């Protein structure tokens, strides 16, 4: 079986955003009396849905957060991105080398994806019809719906797509979609059907037409 298209996650896969985003979250929740570290936030929320994150924080606090909380987190995150966000090592080179159709499919809202790609210089690699947000599709990882939507939009069967992810939720979404799934810098046990990818720049060689990927 040969790969015909690649679906990239954005946060933590193409852009080095996870620590910045979770630091913003920690800063925003601190005034409500919840003290947590950025590492704790990353362990709990990387790859997850914002609504689930807020619900978990509210359970922890024992009370509701104001309706403005998510807006504040988004503003703080955008501020941090504009000042500090960088592409993941090897991301520009990897995209430039790929000879397959590819897209980005992220759990974040479209505005966050667009900002991430813009400030890291990756925006020129993606046309507007190759950027997919869970907020538009209504499916969040580990649900496979976002990846299946991306594959359909590109006109490629799921079992001929490769997914590149950095979080367990994303990896599960890829395998749930029946796609060949690569886990970038894995931080846990590797499921049997998942390929560990330690450097993003190794991806083009792994996906070369002469390199069959096990079905």
N, C-alpha and C. Protein backbone atom coordinates (compact mmCIF):
# COMPACT_ATOMS: atom_id res chain seq x y z
N UNK A 1 0.85 -1.19 0.00
CA UNK A 1 0.00 0.00 0.00
C UNK A 1 0.89 1.25 0.00
N UNK A 2 0.61 2.17 -0.92
CA UNK A 2 1.39 3.39 -0.99
C UNK A 2 0.56 4.59 -0.55
N UNK A 3 1.22 5.54 0.08
CA UNK A 3 0.56 6.75 0.57
C UNK A 3 0.33 7.72 -0.58
N UNK A 4 -0.88 8.32 -0.61
CA UNK A 4 -1.22 9.27 -1.66
C UNK A 4 -1.44 10.69 -1.13
N UNK A 5 -1.56 10.85 0.18
CA UNK A 5 -1.77 12.18 0.76
C UNK A 5 -1.35 12.15 2.22
N UNK A 6 -0.96 13.32 2.72
CA UNK A 6 -0.50 13.45 4.11
C UNK A 6 -1.36 14.48 4.83
N UNK A 7 -1.79 14.12 6.03
CA UNK A 7 -2.58 15.02 6.88
C UNK A 7 -1.74 15.35 8.11
N UNK A 8 -1.40 16.63 8.25
CA UNK A 8 -0.61 17.08 9.40
C UNK A 8 -1.52 17.68 10.46
N UNK A 9 -1.27 17.34 11.71
CA UNK A 9 -1.76 18.15 12.82
C UNK A 9 -0.99 19.47 12.79
N UNK A 10 -1.47 20.47 13.52
CA UNK A 10 -0.78 21.76 13.54
C UNK A 10 0.01 21.95 14.83
N UNK A 11 -0.68 22.10 15.96
CA UNK A 11 -0.02 22.39 17.23
C UNK A 11 0.88 21.24 17.67
N UNK A 12 2.16 21.54 17.84
CA UNK A 12 3.10 20.54 18.29
C UNK A 12 3.66 19.67 17.18
N UNK A 13 3.05 19.75 16.00
CA UNK A 13 3.51 18.96 14.86
C UNK A 13 4.19 19.83 13.82
N UNK A 14 3.52 20.90 13.42
CA UNK A 14 4.12 21.87 12.49
C UNK A 14 4.64 23.11 13.20
N UNK A 15 3.96 23.51 14.29
CA UNK A 15 4.38 24.70 15.04
C UNK A 15 4.59 24.32 16.50
N UNK A 16 5.60 24.92 17.11
CA UNK A 16 5.98 24.56 18.48
C UNK A 16 5.16 25.38 19.48
N UNK A 17 3.87 25.07 19.54
CA UNK A 17 2.90 25.93 20.23
C UNK A 17 2.40 25.41 21.56
N UNK A 18 2.59 24.14 21.85
CA UNK A 18 1.90 23.55 23.00
C UNK A 18 2.29 24.21 24.33
N UNK A 19 3.56 24.45 24.54
CA UNK A 19 3.97 25.06 25.81
C UNK A 19 3.47 26.49 25.91
N UNK A 20 3.53 27.25 24.81
CA UNK A 20 3.02 28.62 24.83
C UNK A 20 1.53 28.66 25.14
N UNK A 21 0.76 27.79 24.48
CA UNK A 21 -0.69 27.78 24.67
C UNK A 21 -1.07 27.37 26.08
N UNK A 22 -0.39 26.37 26.60
CA UNK A 22 -0.74 25.90 27.95
C UNK A 22 -0.25 26.86 29.02
N UNK A 23 0.84 27.58 28.77
CA UNK A 23 1.27 28.62 29.70
C UNK A 23 0.24 29.74 29.76
N UNK A 24 -0.36 30.08 28.62
CA UNK A 24 -1.41 31.10 28.59
C UNK A 24 -2.63 30.63 29.38
N UNK A 25 -2.98 29.37 29.24
CA UNK A 25 -4.09 28.81 29.99
C UNK A 25 -3.85 28.88 31.49
N UNK A 26 -2.64 28.49 31.91
CA UNK A 26 -2.28 28.52 33.33
C UNK A 26 -2.37 29.95 33.87
N UNK A 27 -1.88 30.91 33.09
CA UNK A 27 -1.93 32.30 33.51
C UNK A 27 -3.37 32.79 33.67
N UNK A 28 -4.24 32.37 32.77
CA UNK A 28 -5.62 32.86 32.79
C UNK A 28 -6.45 32.23 33.92
N UNK A 29 -6.13 31.00 34.30
CA UNK A 29 -6.93 30.35 35.34
C UNK A 29 -6.42 30.67 36.74
N UNK A 30 -5.18 31.15 36.86
CA UNK A 30 -4.60 31.43 38.18
C UNK A 30 -5.43 32.42 39.01
N UNK A 31 -5.96 33.51 38.42
CA UNK A 31 -6.73 34.45 39.23
C UNK A 31 -8.00 33.85 39.87
N UNK A 32 -8.41 32.70 39.39
CA UNK A 32 -9.60 32.05 39.95
C UNK A 32 -9.25 31.07 41.07
N UNK A 33 -7.96 31.05 41.42
CA UNK A 33 -7.53 30.26 42.57
C UNK A 33 -7.01 28.88 42.24
N UNK A 34 -6.81 28.59 40.96
CA UNK A 34 -6.31 27.28 40.57
C UNK A 34 -4.84 27.41 40.17
N UNK A 35 -3.98 26.81 40.96
CA UNK A 35 -2.54 26.86 40.71
C UNK A 35 -2.11 25.55 40.07
N UNK A 36 -1.59 25.63 38.89
CA UNK A 36 -1.08 24.45 38.21
C UNK A 36 0.12 24.87 37.37
N UNK A 37 0.97 23.92 37.06
CA UNK A 37 2.16 24.22 36.25
C UNK A 37 1.82 24.04 34.78
N UNK A 38 2.66 24.61 33.95
CA UNK A 38 2.48 24.43 32.51
C UNK A 38 2.64 22.96 32.14
N UNK A 39 3.56 22.27 32.79
CA UNK A 39 3.74 20.84 32.51
C UNK A 39 2.48 20.05 32.86
N UNK A 40 1.85 20.39 33.99
CA UNK A 40 0.61 19.72 34.37
C UNK A 40 -0.48 19.97 33.33
N UNK A 41 -0.59 21.21 32.88
CA UNK A 41 -1.59 21.55 31.88
C UNK A 41 -1.34 20.79 30.58
N UNK A 42 -0.09 20.70 30.17
CA UNK A 42 0.23 19.99 28.94
C UNK A 42 -0.13 18.51 29.05
N UNK A 43 0.17 17.92 30.20
CA UNK A 43 -0.13 16.51 30.38
C UNK A 43 -1.63 16.24 30.30
N UNK A 44 -2.44 17.18 30.78
CA UNK A 44 -3.89 16.99 30.83
C UNK A 44 -4.58 17.37 29.52
N UNK A 45 -4.07 18.40 28.82
CA UNK A 45 -4.88 19.01 27.77
C UNK A 45 -4.32 18.99 26.36
N UNK A 46 -3.08 18.58 26.16
CA UNK A 46 -2.51 18.59 24.80
C UNK A 46 -3.36 17.73 23.87
N UNK A 47 -3.73 18.32 22.74
CA UNK A 47 -4.50 17.59 21.74
C UNK A 47 -5.99 17.55 22.00
N UNK A 48 -6.43 18.20 23.08
CA UNK A 48 -7.82 18.12 23.46
C UNK A 48 -8.66 19.29 22.98
N UNK A 49 -9.94 19.20 23.27
CA UNK A 49 -10.93 20.19 22.89
C UNK A 49 -11.01 21.25 23.99
N UNK A 50 -11.08 22.52 23.61
CA UNK A 50 -11.12 23.60 24.59
C UNK A 50 -12.30 23.45 25.55
N UNK A 51 -13.46 23.07 25.04
CA UNK A 51 -14.64 22.91 25.90
C UNK A 51 -14.41 21.84 26.96
N UNK A 52 -13.72 20.76 26.59
CA UNK A 52 -13.42 19.70 27.56
C UNK A 52 -12.41 20.20 28.58
N UNK A 53 -11.46 21.00 28.14
CA UNK A 53 -10.47 21.59 29.03
C UNK A 53 -11.15 22.49 30.07
N UNK A 54 -12.05 23.34 29.61
CA UNK A 54 -12.76 24.25 30.52
C UNK A 54 -13.61 23.45 31.50
N UNK A 55 -14.28 22.42 31.01
CA UNK A 55 -15.11 21.59 31.89
C UNK A 55 -14.26 20.94 32.98
N UNK A 56 -13.07 20.49 32.62
CA UNK A 56 -12.18 19.87 33.60
C UNK A 56 -11.71 20.90 34.63
N UNK A 57 -11.37 22.10 34.17
CA UNK A 57 -10.96 23.16 35.10
C UNK A 57 -12.10 23.51 36.06
N UNK A 58 -13.31 23.55 35.55
CA UNK A 58 -14.46 23.87 36.40
C UNK A 58 -14.71 22.78 37.43
N UNK A 59 -14.52 21.53 37.06
CA UNK A 59 -14.65 20.44 38.04
C UNK A 59 -13.60 20.58 39.12
N UNK A 60 -12.41 20.95 38.70
CA UNK A 60 -11.29 21.13 39.64
C UNK A 60 -11.57 22.29 40.60
N UNK A 61 -12.09 23.37 40.05
CA UNK A 61 -12.40 24.55 40.86
C UNK A 61 -13.65 24.38 41.71
N UNK A 62 -14.57 23.57 41.22
CA UNK A 62 -15.86 23.41 41.90
C UNK A 62 -16.84 24.52 41.60
N UNK A 63 -16.60 25.26 40.53
CA UNK A 63 -17.50 26.33 40.12
C UNK A 63 -17.25 26.68 38.66
N UNK A 64 -18.21 27.39 38.08
CA UNK A 64 -18.11 27.74 36.67
C UNK A 64 -17.14 28.91 36.46
N UNK A 65 -16.47 28.86 35.35
CA UNK A 65 -15.66 29.98 34.91
C UNK A 65 -16.53 30.95 34.11
N UNK A 66 -16.18 32.23 34.08
CA UNK A 66 -17.01 33.20 33.35
C UNK A 66 -17.02 32.91 31.85
N UNK A 67 -18.06 33.39 31.17
CA UNK A 67 -18.18 33.17 29.73
C UNK A 67 -17.00 33.78 28.97
N UNK A 68 -16.37 34.78 29.56
CA UNK A 68 -15.25 35.46 28.89
C UNK A 68 -13.93 34.71 29.01
N UNK A 69 -13.92 33.59 29.74
CA UNK A 69 -12.65 32.90 30.02
C UNK A 69 -11.98 32.42 28.74
N UNK A 70 -12.72 31.75 27.88
CA UNK A 70 -12.12 31.21 26.66
C UNK A 70 -11.60 32.34 25.78
N UNK A 71 -12.34 33.43 25.69
CA UNK A 71 -11.89 34.58 24.90
C UNK A 71 -10.57 35.11 25.44
N UNK A 72 -10.46 35.18 26.76
CA UNK A 72 -9.22 35.65 27.39
C UNK A 72 -8.06 34.71 27.09
N UNK A 73 -8.32 33.41 27.16
CA UNK A 73 -7.27 32.43 26.86
C UNK A 73 -6.82 32.57 25.41
N UNK A 74 -7.79 32.72 24.49
CA UNK A 74 -7.44 32.88 23.07
C UNK A 74 -6.60 34.14 22.85
N UNK A 75 -6.96 35.22 23.53
CA UNK A 75 -6.21 36.47 23.37
C UNK A 75 -4.78 36.33 23.89
N UNK A 76 -4.63 35.72 25.07
CA UNK A 76 -3.30 35.52 25.64
C UNK A 76 -2.46 34.60 24.77
N UNK A 77 -3.10 33.56 24.24
CA UNK A 77 -2.40 32.63 23.37
C UNK A 77 -1.92 33.32 22.10
N UNK A 78 -2.79 34.10 21.48
CA UNK A 78 -2.42 34.81 20.26
C UNK A 78 -1.27 35.78 20.51
N UNK A 79 -1.32 36.45 21.66
CA UNK A 79 -0.24 37.38 22.03
C UNK A 79 1.08 36.64 22.15
N UNK A 80 1.06 35.47 22.80
CA UNK A 80 2.28 34.68 22.96
C UNK A 80 2.77 34.16 21.61
N UNK A 81 1.85 33.75 20.75
CA UNK A 81 2.23 33.26 19.43
C UNK A 81 2.93 34.34 18.62
N UNK A 82 2.35 35.53 18.62
CA UNK A 82 2.95 36.62 17.83
C UNK A 82 4.36 36.96 18.31
N UNK A 83 4.59 36.78 19.59
CA UNK A 83 5.89 37.15 20.16
C UNK A 83 6.92 36.02 20.09
N UNK A 84 6.46 34.76 20.20
CA UNK A 84 7.43 33.69 20.43
C UNK A 84 7.27 32.45 19.57
N UNK A 85 6.20 32.29 18.83
CA UNK A 85 5.96 31.01 18.15
C UNK A 85 6.97 30.75 17.04
N UNK A 86 7.46 29.52 16.99
CA UNK A 86 8.41 29.08 15.97
C UNK A 86 7.88 27.79 15.33
N UNK A 87 8.31 27.51 14.10
CA UNK A 87 7.94 26.22 13.51
C UNK A 87 8.65 25.09 14.23
N UNK A 88 8.06 23.93 14.22
CA UNK A 88 8.75 22.74 14.72
C UNK A 88 9.99 22.52 13.86
N UNK A 89 11.07 22.07 14.48
CA UNK A 89 12.31 21.85 13.75
C UNK A 89 12.08 20.94 12.54
N UNK A 90 12.48 21.42 11.39
CA UNK A 90 12.36 20.62 10.18
C UNK A 90 11.05 20.79 9.44
N UNK A 91 10.10 21.56 9.99
CA UNK A 91 8.80 21.69 9.34
C UNK A 91 8.88 22.35 7.96
N UNK A 92 9.54 23.51 7.81
CA UNK A 92 9.61 24.12 6.47
C UNK A 92 10.28 23.21 5.45
N UNK A 93 11.37 22.58 5.85
CA UNK A 93 12.10 21.71 4.94
C UNK A 93 11.25 20.49 4.54
N UNK A 94 10.53 19.95 5.50
CA UNK A 94 9.68 18.78 5.23
C UNK A 94 8.59 19.12 4.23
N UNK A 95 7.92 20.23 4.44
CA UNK A 95 6.85 20.62 3.52
C UNK A 95 7.39 20.91 2.13
N UNK A 96 8.57 21.52 2.07
CA UNK A 96 9.17 21.83 0.78
C UNK A 96 9.58 20.57 0.03
N UNK A 97 9.94 19.53 0.76
CA UNK A 97 10.42 18.30 0.13
C UNK A 97 9.31 17.34 -0.28
N UNK A 98 8.15 17.45 0.34
CA UNK A 98 7.07 16.50 0.06
C UNK A 98 6.63 16.59 -1.39
N UNK A 99 6.42 15.45 -2.01
CA UNK A 99 5.94 15.39 -3.39
C UNK A 99 4.54 14.78 -3.44
N UNK A 100 3.86 14.78 -2.31
CA UNK A 100 2.49 14.29 -2.20
C UNK A 100 1.57 15.43 -1.80
N UNK A 101 0.29 15.36 -2.16
CA UNK A 101 -0.66 16.34 -1.64
C UNK A 101 -0.69 16.27 -0.11
N UNK A 102 -0.84 17.40 0.54
CA UNK A 102 -0.90 17.41 2.01
C UNK A 102 -1.81 18.53 2.48
N UNK A 103 -2.21 18.42 3.73
CA UNK A 103 -3.09 19.43 4.33
C UNK A 103 -2.79 19.49 5.82
N UNK A 104 -3.44 20.41 6.51
CA UNK A 104 -3.36 20.49 7.97
C UNK A 104 -4.76 20.35 8.53
N UNK A 105 -4.91 19.53 9.57
CA UNK A 105 -6.19 19.30 10.22
C UNK A 105 -5.99 19.41 11.72
N UNK A 106 -6.57 20.44 12.32
CA UNK A 106 -6.27 20.79 13.71
C UNK A 106 -7.53 20.87 14.56
N UNK A 107 -7.38 20.59 15.84
CA UNK A 107 -8.48 20.74 16.79
C UNK A 107 -8.75 22.20 17.13
N UNK A 108 -7.85 23.10 16.76
CA UNK A 108 -8.01 24.52 17.05
C UNK A 108 -8.95 25.20 16.07
N UNK A 109 -9.44 26.39 16.45
CA UNK A 109 -10.28 27.17 15.53
C UNK A 109 -9.45 27.69 14.36
N UNK A 110 -10.13 28.03 13.28
CA UNK A 110 -9.45 28.45 12.06
C UNK A 110 -8.55 29.66 12.29
N UNK A 111 -8.99 30.61 13.13
CA UNK A 111 -8.18 31.81 13.37
C UNK A 111 -6.84 31.44 14.01
N UNK A 112 -6.86 30.47 14.92
CA UNK A 112 -5.63 30.05 15.59
C UNK A 112 -4.69 29.35 14.60
N UNK A 113 -5.25 28.49 13.75
CA UNK A 113 -4.44 27.80 12.75
C UNK A 113 -3.78 28.81 11.82
N UNK A 114 -4.60 29.76 11.32
CA UNK A 114 -4.09 30.75 10.38
C UNK A 114 -2.98 31.59 11.00
N UNK A 115 -3.17 32.00 12.26
CA UNK A 115 -2.15 32.79 12.94
C UNK A 115 -0.87 31.97 13.11
N UNK A 116 -1.01 30.71 13.51
CA UNK A 116 0.15 29.85 13.72
C UNK A 116 0.97 29.70 12.45
N UNK A 117 0.29 29.46 11.34
CA UNK A 117 0.99 29.28 10.07
C UNK A 117 1.62 30.59 9.60
N UNK A 118 0.92 31.69 9.85
CA UNK A 118 1.42 32.99 9.39
C UNK A 118 2.70 33.39 10.12
N UNK A 119 2.67 33.35 11.45
CA UNK A 119 3.82 33.87 12.20
C UNK A 119 5.04 32.96 12.10
N UNK A 120 4.83 31.70 11.74
CA UNK A 120 5.97 30.78 11.60
C UNK A 120 6.47 30.69 10.16
N UNK A 121 5.83 31.41 9.25
CA UNK A 121 6.25 31.39 7.86
C UNK A 121 5.80 30.17 7.09
N UNK A 122 4.86 29.38 7.64
CA UNK A 122 4.41 28.17 6.97
C UNK A 122 3.16 28.39 6.11
N UNK A 123 2.55 29.55 6.23
CA UNK A 123 1.30 29.81 5.50
C UNK A 123 1.42 29.59 3.99
N UNK A 124 2.53 29.99 3.33
CA UNK A 124 2.61 29.79 1.88
C UNK A 124 2.53 28.33 1.44
N UNK A 125 2.74 27.40 2.35
CA UNK A 125 2.67 25.99 1.98
C UNK A 125 1.24 25.47 1.89
N UNK A 126 0.27 26.24 2.39
CA UNK A 126 -1.10 25.74 2.47
C UNK A 126 -2.08 26.69 1.80
N UNK A 127 -2.86 26.17 0.85
CA UNK A 127 -3.97 26.95 0.30
C UNK A 127 -5.16 26.83 1.25
N UNK A 128 -6.13 27.73 1.11
CA UNK A 128 -7.25 27.77 2.05
C UNK A 128 -8.07 26.49 2.04
N UNK A 129 -8.07 25.77 0.90
CA UNK A 129 -8.84 24.53 0.83
C UNK A 129 -8.06 23.33 1.35
N UNK A 130 -6.91 23.59 1.95
CA UNK A 130 -6.11 22.52 2.55
C UNK A 130 -5.87 22.77 4.03
N UNK A 131 -6.75 23.57 4.64
CA UNK A 131 -6.69 23.83 6.08
C UNK A 131 -8.05 23.46 6.68
N UNK A 132 -8.05 22.54 7.63
CA UNK A 132 -9.29 22.02 8.19
C UNK A 132 -9.28 22.18 9.71
N UNK A 133 -10.39 22.68 10.24
CA UNK A 133 -10.54 22.90 11.68
C UNK A 133 -11.66 22.03 12.24
N UNK A 134 -11.42 21.48 13.41
CA UNK A 134 -12.45 20.69 14.09
C UNK A 134 -13.69 21.52 14.36
N UNK A 135 -13.52 22.83 14.52
CA UNK A 135 -14.67 23.70 14.80
C UNK A 135 -15.59 23.80 13.59
N UNK A 136 -15.05 23.65 12.40
CA UNK A 136 -15.87 23.69 11.19
C UNK A 136 -16.53 22.33 10.93
N UNK A 137 -15.83 21.28 11.27
CA UNK A 137 -16.32 19.92 11.00
C UNK A 137 -17.23 19.43 12.12
N UNK A 138 -16.98 19.89 13.35
CA UNK A 138 -17.77 19.44 14.49
C UNK A 138 -17.30 18.13 15.08
N UNK A 139 -16.04 17.77 14.84
CA UNK A 139 -15.46 16.53 15.38
C UNK A 139 -14.09 16.84 15.97
N UNK A 140 -13.86 16.33 17.17
CA UNK A 140 -12.57 16.55 17.83
C UNK A 140 -11.89 15.22 18.10
N UNK A 141 -10.58 15.22 17.97
CA UNK A 141 -9.78 14.03 18.23
C UNK A 141 -10.00 13.56 19.68
N UNK A 142 -10.09 12.25 19.91
CA UNK A 142 -9.74 11.11 19.04
C UNK A 142 -10.83 10.65 18.08
N UNK A 143 -11.94 11.36 17.99
CA UNK A 143 -12.91 11.05 16.95
C UNK A 143 -12.22 11.19 15.59
N UNK A 144 -12.41 10.24 14.67
CA UNK A 144 -11.72 10.30 13.38
C UNK A 144 -12.36 11.25 12.37
N UNK A 145 -13.48 11.88 12.73
CA UNK A 145 -14.25 12.66 11.77
C UNK A 145 -13.47 13.74 11.05
N UNK A 146 -12.60 14.45 11.77
CA UNK A 146 -11.84 15.54 11.15
C UNK A 146 -10.91 14.99 10.07
N UNK A 147 -10.21 13.91 10.36
CA UNK A 147 -9.29 13.33 9.40
C UNK A 147 -10.04 12.74 8.21
N UNK A 148 -11.17 12.11 8.47
CA UNK A 148 -11.96 11.56 7.37
C UNK A 148 -12.50 12.67 6.47
N UNK A 149 -12.88 13.79 7.07
CA UNK A 149 -13.32 14.94 6.28
C UNK A 149 -12.18 15.46 5.40
N UNK A 150 -10.98 15.56 5.97
CA UNK A 150 -9.83 16.04 5.21
C UNK A 150 -9.51 15.11 4.05
N UNK A 151 -9.55 13.81 4.30
CA UNK A 151 -9.26 12.84 3.24
C UNK A 151 -10.29 12.95 2.11
N UNK A 152 -11.55 13.08 2.47
CA UNK A 152 -12.61 13.20 1.46
C UNK A 152 -12.42 14.47 0.63
N UNK A 153 -12.07 15.57 1.31
CA UNK A 153 -11.85 16.83 0.60
C UNK A 153 -10.70 16.73 -0.39
N UNK A 154 -9.70 15.93 -0.07
CA UNK A 154 -8.56 15.76 -0.96
C UNK A 154 -8.79 14.66 -2.00
N UNK A 155 -9.90 13.93 -1.87
CA UNK A 155 -10.22 12.88 -2.83
C UNK A 155 -9.35 11.66 -2.70
N UNK A 156 -8.93 11.34 -1.47
CA UNK A 156 -8.05 10.20 -1.23
C UNK A 156 -8.69 9.27 -0.22
N UNK A 157 -8.65 7.98 -0.48
CA UNK A 157 -9.21 7.00 0.45
C UNK A 157 -8.47 7.05 1.78
N UNK A 158 -9.17 6.87 2.91
CA UNK A 158 -8.50 6.93 4.21
C UNK A 158 -7.29 6.01 4.33
N UNK A 159 -7.39 4.78 3.78
CA UNK A 159 -6.28 3.85 3.95
C UNK A 159 -5.08 4.18 3.06
N UNK A 160 -5.19 5.25 2.27
CA UNK A 160 -4.05 5.73 1.49
C UNK A 160 -3.55 7.09 1.99
N UNK A 161 -4.02 7.46 3.18
CA UNK A 161 -3.57 8.70 3.82
C UNK A 161 -2.60 8.40 4.95
N UNK A 162 -1.64 9.31 5.13
CA UNK A 162 -0.77 9.27 6.30
C UNK A 162 -1.13 10.43 7.21
N UNK A 163 -1.20 10.18 8.49
CA UNK A 163 -1.45 11.21 9.50
C UNK A 163 -0.17 11.41 10.30
N UNK A 164 0.19 12.67 10.54
CA UNK A 164 1.35 12.99 11.38
C UNK A 164 0.85 13.75 12.58
N UNK A 165 1.07 13.20 13.77
CA UNK A 165 0.54 13.75 15.01
C UNK A 165 1.59 13.75 16.10
N UNK A 166 1.38 14.62 17.10
CA UNK A 166 2.30 14.65 18.24
C UNK A 166 1.64 14.26 19.54
N UNK A 167 0.31 14.07 19.55
CA UNK A 167 -0.40 13.76 20.80
C UNK A 167 -1.07 12.41 20.69
N UNK A 168 -1.32 11.80 21.85
CA UNK A 168 -1.98 10.50 21.87
C UNK A 168 -3.39 10.60 21.31
N UNK A 169 -4.10 11.70 21.63
CA UNK A 169 -5.45 11.86 21.08
C UNK A 169 -5.42 11.89 19.56
N UNK A 170 -4.45 12.59 19.00
CA UNK A 170 -4.33 12.67 17.56
C UNK A 170 -3.96 11.34 16.93
N UNK A 171 -3.06 10.63 17.58
CA UNK A 171 -2.65 9.31 17.10
C UNK A 171 -3.86 8.38 17.09
N UNK A 172 -4.66 8.43 18.15
CA UNK A 172 -5.87 7.60 18.20
C UNK A 172 -6.85 7.98 17.10
N UNK A 173 -6.96 9.28 16.80
CA UNK A 173 -7.84 9.72 15.72
C UNK A 173 -7.37 9.15 14.39
N UNK A 174 -6.07 9.17 14.17
CA UNK A 174 -5.52 8.63 12.93
C UNK A 174 -5.79 7.15 12.78
N UNK A 175 -5.54 6.39 13.83
CA UNK A 175 -5.78 4.95 13.75
C UNK A 175 -7.27 4.65 13.67
N UNK A 176 -8.09 5.44 14.37
CA UNK A 176 -9.54 5.25 14.29
C UNK A 176 -10.07 5.51 12.88
N UNK A 177 -9.36 6.38 12.13
CA UNK A 177 -9.75 6.69 10.76
C UNK A 177 -9.25 5.64 9.77
N UNK A 178 -8.46 4.68 10.24
CA UNK A 178 -7.91 3.66 9.36
C UNK A 178 -6.77 4.17 8.51
N UNK A 179 -6.07 5.19 9.01
CA UNK A 179 -4.98 5.81 8.27
C UNK A 179 -3.62 5.36 8.81
N UNK A 180 -2.61 5.46 7.97
CA UNK A 180 -1.24 5.17 8.41
C UNK A 180 -0.78 6.33 9.28
N UNK A 181 -0.48 6.03 10.54
CA UNK A 181 -0.29 7.09 11.53
C UNK A 181 1.15 7.13 12.02
N UNK A 182 1.71 8.35 12.00
CA UNK A 182 3.06 8.60 12.49
C UNK A 182 2.98 9.44 13.75
N UNK A 183 3.66 9.02 14.80
CA UNK A 183 3.67 9.75 16.07
C UNK A 183 5.00 10.47 16.18
N UNK A 184 4.94 11.80 16.07
CA UNK A 184 6.15 12.62 16.15
C UNK A 184 6.60 12.76 17.59
N UNK A 185 7.86 12.41 17.84
CA UNK A 185 8.44 12.47 19.19
C UNK A 185 7.53 11.82 20.22
N UNK A 186 7.25 10.54 20.09
CA UNK A 186 6.30 9.87 21.00
C UNK A 186 6.76 9.94 22.44
N UNK A 187 5.78 10.14 23.35
CA UNK A 187 6.10 10.21 24.78
C UNK A 187 5.37 9.13 25.56
N UNK A 188 5.04 8.06 24.88
CA UNK A 188 4.37 6.94 25.53
C UNK A 188 4.54 5.69 24.71
N UNK A 189 3.94 4.58 25.16
CA UNK A 189 4.03 3.33 24.41
C UNK A 189 3.45 3.50 23.01
N UNK A 190 4.10 2.93 22.02
CA UNK A 190 3.68 3.05 20.63
C UNK A 190 2.70 1.92 20.29
N UNK A 191 1.47 2.24 19.89
CA UNK A 191 0.55 1.18 19.44
C UNK A 191 1.15 0.42 18.27
N UNK A 192 0.82 -0.86 18.13
CA UNK A 192 1.45 -1.70 17.10
C UNK A 192 1.32 -1.14 15.69
N UNK A 193 0.23 -0.47 15.38
CA UNK A 193 0.01 0.00 14.01
C UNK A 193 0.57 1.39 13.75
N UNK A 194 1.22 2.00 14.75
CA UNK A 194 1.71 3.38 14.64
C UNK A 194 3.22 3.38 14.43
N UNK A 195 3.70 4.30 13.60
CA UNK A 195 5.14 4.43 13.33
C UNK A 195 5.70 5.61 14.13
N UNK A 196 6.75 5.38 14.89
CA UNK A 196 7.41 6.45 15.62
C UNK A 196 8.23 7.30 14.66
N UNK A 197 8.06 8.61 14.76
CA UNK A 197 8.78 9.56 13.90
C UNK A 197 9.54 10.51 14.82
N UNK A 198 10.84 10.34 14.91
CA UNK A 198 11.62 11.12 15.86
C UNK A 198 12.04 12.47 15.30
N UNK A 199 12.12 12.57 13.98
CA UNK A 199 12.45 13.85 13.34
C UNK A 199 11.48 14.07 12.17
N UNK A 200 10.86 15.24 12.13
CA UNK A 200 9.89 15.52 11.09
C UNK A 200 10.52 15.41 9.70
N UNK A 201 11.78 15.81 9.59
CA UNK A 201 12.42 15.84 8.28
C UNK A 201 12.67 14.45 7.71
N UNK A 202 12.47 13.40 8.53
CA UNK A 202 12.61 12.04 8.01
C UNK A 202 11.36 11.58 7.26
N UNK A 203 10.27 12.32 7.37
CA UNK A 203 9.01 11.88 6.80
C UNK A 203 9.05 11.71 5.28
N UNK A 204 9.57 12.68 4.50
CA UNK A 204 9.54 12.51 3.04
C UNK A 204 10.17 11.21 2.56
N UNK A 205 11.27 10.82 3.16
CA UNK A 205 11.92 9.57 2.75
C UNK A 205 11.05 8.37 3.08
N UNK A 206 10.40 8.41 4.26
CA UNK A 206 9.54 7.30 4.66
C UNK A 206 8.33 7.16 3.74
N UNK A 207 7.92 8.28 3.14
CA UNK A 207 6.73 8.26 2.28
C UNK A 207 7.08 8.20 0.81
N UNK A 208 8.34 8.00 0.47
CA UNK A 208 8.74 7.92 -0.93
C UNK A 208 8.00 6.78 -1.62
N UNK A 209 7.65 6.96 -2.91
CA UNK A 209 6.87 5.96 -3.62
C UNK A 209 7.50 4.56 -3.63
N UNK A 210 8.82 4.51 -3.49
CA UNK A 210 9.50 3.19 -3.50
C UNK A 210 9.47 2.54 -2.14
N UNK A 211 8.91 3.23 -1.13
CA UNK A 211 8.87 2.68 0.21
C UNK A 211 7.46 2.29 0.58
N UNK A 212 7.08 1.01 0.43
CA UNK A 212 5.73 0.60 0.78
C UNK A 212 5.50 0.68 2.28
N UNK A 213 4.29 1.14 2.66
CA UNK A 213 3.91 1.20 4.07
C UNK A 213 2.98 0.04 4.35
N UNK A 214 3.25 -0.72 5.38
CA UNK A 214 2.42 -1.87 5.70
C UNK A 214 0.97 -1.47 5.89
N UNK A 215 0.05 -2.24 5.34
CA UNK A 215 -1.38 -1.94 5.49
C UNK A 215 -1.85 -2.27 6.88
